[in-house]
C-alpha atoms as a PDB file:
ATOM      1  CA  MET A   1       0.321  -2.751   6.638  1.00  0.00           C
ATOM      2  CA  GLN A   2       1.325  -5.254   4.000  1.00  0.00           C
ATOM      3  CA  ALA A   3       3.938  -5.071   1.276  1.00  0.00           C
ATOM      4  CA  PHE A   4       2.812  -5.275  -2.330  1.00  0.00           C
ATOM      5  CA  GLU A   5       4.749  -5.494  -5.582  1.00  0.00           C
ATOM      6  CA  LEU A   6       4.484  -2.421  -7.726  1.00  0.00           C
ATOM      7  CA  PRO A   7       2.634  -2.530 -11.037  1.00  0.00           C
ATOM      8  CA  GLU A   8       4.533  -1.341 -14.109  1.00  0.00           C
ATOM      9  CA  ALA A   9       5.115   2.389 -14.635  1.00  0.00           C
ATOM     10  CA  THR A  10       3.973   3.656 -11.224  1.00  0.00           C
ATOM     11  CA  GLY A  11       6.737   6.199 -10.869  1.00  0.00           C
ATOM     12  CA  TRP A  12       7.473   4.945  -7.348  1.00  0.00           C
ATOM     13  CA  THR A  13      10.957   3.780  -6.476  1.00  0.00           C
ATOM     14  CA  GLY A  14      11.839   0.441  -4.951  1.00  0.00           C
ATOM     15  CA  GLU A  15      10.422  -3.010  -5.456  1.00  0.00           C
ATOM     16  CA  PHE A  16       7.398  -2.640  -3.171  1.00  0.00           C
ATOM     17  CA  GLN A  17       5.223  -0.257  -1.184  1.00  0.00           C
ATOM     18  CA  LEU A  18       3.213  -0.772   2.016  1.00  0.00           C
ATOM     19  CA  ALA A  19      -0.571  -0.490   2.167  1.00  0.00           C
ATOM     20  CA  CYS A  20      -3.477  -1.287   4.438  1.00  0.00           C
ATOM     21  CA  PHE A  21      -5.537  -4.016   2.761  1.00  0.00           C
ATOM     22  CA  ASN A  22      -8.141  -4.192   5.545  1.00  0.00           C
ATOM     23  CA  ASP A  23     -11.515  -3.857   3.811  1.00  0.00           C
ATOM     24  CA  ASP A  24     -13.055  -2.573   7.065  1.00  0.00           C
ATOM     25  CA  CYS A  25     -10.566   0.295   7.351  1.00  0.00           C
ATOM     26  CA  PRO A  26     -12.573   3.554   7.668  1.00  0.00           C
ATOM     27  CA  TYR A  27     -10.203   5.307   5.221  1.00  0.00           C
ATOM     28  CA  PHE A  28     -10.970   2.694   2.541  1.00  0.00           C
ATOM     29  CA  VAL A  29     -14.698   2.531   3.375  1.00  0.00           C
ATOM     30  CA  ARG A  30     -15.178   6.339   3.259  1.00  0.00           C
ATOM     31  CA  GLY A  31     -13.167   6.544   0.052  1.00  0.00           C
ATOM     32  CA  TRP A  32     -15.932   5.007  -2.077  1.00  0.00           C
ATOM     33  CA  ALA A  33     -18.419   7.784  -1.270  1.00  0.00           C
ATOM     34  CA  HIS A  34     -15.781  10.511  -1.501  1.00  0.00           C
ATOM     35  CA  MET A  35     -14.630   9.436  -4.963  1.00  0.00           C
ATOM     36  CA  LYS A  36     -18.213   9.030  -6.234  1.00  0.00           C
ATOM     37  CA  GLU A  37     -19.380  12.406  -4.892  1.00  0.00           C
ATOM     38  CA  ASN A  38     -16.300  14.411  -5.894  1.00  0.00           C
ATOM     39  CA  PHE A  39     -15.077  12.693  -9.055  1.00  0.00           C
ATOM     40  CA  ALA A  40     -18.054  10.592 -10.286  1.00  0.00           C
ATOM     41  CA  VAL A  41     -15.974   7.388 -10.322  1.00  0.00           C
ATOM     42  CA  ASN A  42     -16.452   4.008  -8.705  1.00  0.00           C
ATOM     43  CA  ALA A  43     -13.132   3.872  -6.887  1.00  0.00           C
ATOM     44  CA  SER A  44     -11.626   4.258  -3.439  1.00  0.00           C
ATOM     45  CA  TYR A  45      -8.153   4.410  -1.946  1.00  0.00           C
ATOM     46  CA  ARG A  46      -6.091   2.608   0.637  1.00  0.00           C
ATOM     47  CA  TYR A  47      -3.562   4.060   3.062  1.00  0.00           C
ATOM     48  CA  ARG A  48      -0.068   3.682   1.551  1.00  0.00           C
ATOM     49  CA  ILE A  49       3.432   4.289   2.875  1.00  0.00           C
ATOM     50  CA  ASP A  50       6.580   4.521   0.792  1.00  0.00           C
ATOM     51  CA  PRO A  51       9.049   2.383   2.771  1.00  0.00           C
ATOM     52  CA  SER A  52      12.061   4.265   1.411  1.00  0.00           C
ATOM     53  CA  THR A  53      10.856   7.649   2.712  1.00  0.00           C
ATOM     54  CA  GLY A  54       8.117   6.853   5.232  1.00  0.00           C
ATOM     55  CA  ALA A  55       5.814   9.236   3.363  1.00  0.00           C
ATOM     56  CA  PRO A  56       2.113   8.309   3.422  1.00  0.00           C
ATOM     57  CA  SER A  57      -0.312   8.887   0.562  1.00  0.00           C
ATOM     58  CA  PRO A  58      -3.516   7.437  -0.883  1.00  0.00           C
ATOM     59  CA  LEU A  59      -3.315   4.339  -3.069  1.00  0.00           C
ATOM     60  CA  PRO A  60      -6.133   4.499  -5.644  1.00  0.00           C
ATOM     61  CA  VAL A  61      -8.058   1.241  -6.105  1.00  0.00           C
ATOM     62  CA  TRP A  62     -10.891   0.355  -8.464  1.00  0.00           C
ATOM     63  CA  SER A  63     -12.252  -2.598  -6.463  1.00  0.00           C
ATOM     64  CA  ALA A  64     -11.964  -4.246  -3.050  1.00  0.00           C
ATOM     65  CA  THR A  65      -9.694  -6.887  -4.569  1.00  0.00           C
ATOM     66  CA  ALA A  66      -7.508  -4.511  -6.591  1.00  0.00           C
ATOM     67  CA  LEU A  67      -3.787  -5.089  -5.956  1.00  0.00           C
ATOM     68  CA  LYS A  68      -4.418  -7.845  -3.394  1.00  0.00           C
ATOM     69  CA  ASP A  69      -2.918 -10.317  -5.862  1.00  0.00           C
ATOM     70  CA  ARG A  70       0.344  -8.332  -5.566  1.00  0.00           C
ATOM     71  CA  ILE A  71       0.705  -8.740  -1.765  1.00  0.00           C
ATOM     72  CA  ILE A  72       4.099 -10.192  -0.904  1.00  0.00           C
ATOM     73  CA  GLU A  73       5.808 -11.271   2.284  1.00  0.00           C
ATOM     74  CA  VAL A  74       8.791  -9.184   3.311  1.00  0.00           C
ATOM     75  CA  ALA A  75      10.284  -8.141   6.608  1.00  0.00           C
ATOM     76  CA  ILE A  76      10.751  -4.448   7.100  1.00  0.00           C
ATOM     77  CA  GLY A  77      13.955  -3.484   8.851  1.00  0.00           C
ATOM     78  CA  GLU A  78      16.197  -0.488   9.046  1.00  0.00           C
ATOM     79  CA  LYS A  79      19.513  -0.348   7.232  1.00  0.00           C
ATOM     80  CA  ALA A  80      22.519   1.374   8.783  1.00  0.00           C
ATOM     81  CA  ASP A  81      21.916   4.517   6.718  1.00  0.00           C
ATOM     82  CA  GLY A  82      18.387   4.876   8.146  1.00  0.00           C
ATOM     83  CA  ASP A  83      16.515   3.727   5.037  1.00  0.00           C
ATOM     84  CA  LEU A  84      13.930   0.985   5.321  1.00  0.00           C
ATOM     85  CA  ALA A  85      14.799  -2.324   3.680  1.00  0.00           C
ATOM     86  CA  ALA A  86      13.334  -5.772   3.128  1.00  0.00           C
ATOM     87  CA  ASP A  87      15.156  -8.765   4.558  1.00  0.00           C
ATOM     88  CA  GLY A  88      12.927 -11.700   3.569  1.00  0.00           C
ATOM     89  CA  ASP A  89      11.137 -12.548   6.844  1.00  0.00           C
ATOM     90  CA  GLU A  90       8.454 -15.217   6.438  1.00  0.00           C
ATOM     91  CA  ASN A  91       5.969 -13.203   8.516  1.00  0.00           C
ATOM     92  CA  GLY A  92       5.711 -10.439   5.936  1.00  0.00           C
ATOM     93  CA  GLY A  93       6.966  -7.915   8.438  1.00  0.00           C
ATOM     94  CA  GLN A  94       3.801  -8.383  10.495  1.00  0.00           C
ATOM     95  CA  LYS A  95       4.123  -8.960  14.243  1.00  0.00           C
END
């Protein structure tokens, strides 16, 4: 999972969300056929998690490179109140 900056007017809270940007991820790969067959669009989705709530949901994408230019490096930690927070780790929260 990698952090990415949110585009304008997403309706999501916070400065970033987490998503799987692995192009070999079965969820992403299957998404192309699912979206074409069910909605007649050339699109897919990536697995997304809202770091403030931990809730997962699909992240619609229109190409394999969509939103990759918004990937940022943040460390994901837990604040005292239990919410997830970024603390600026150079490894992008990846271990």
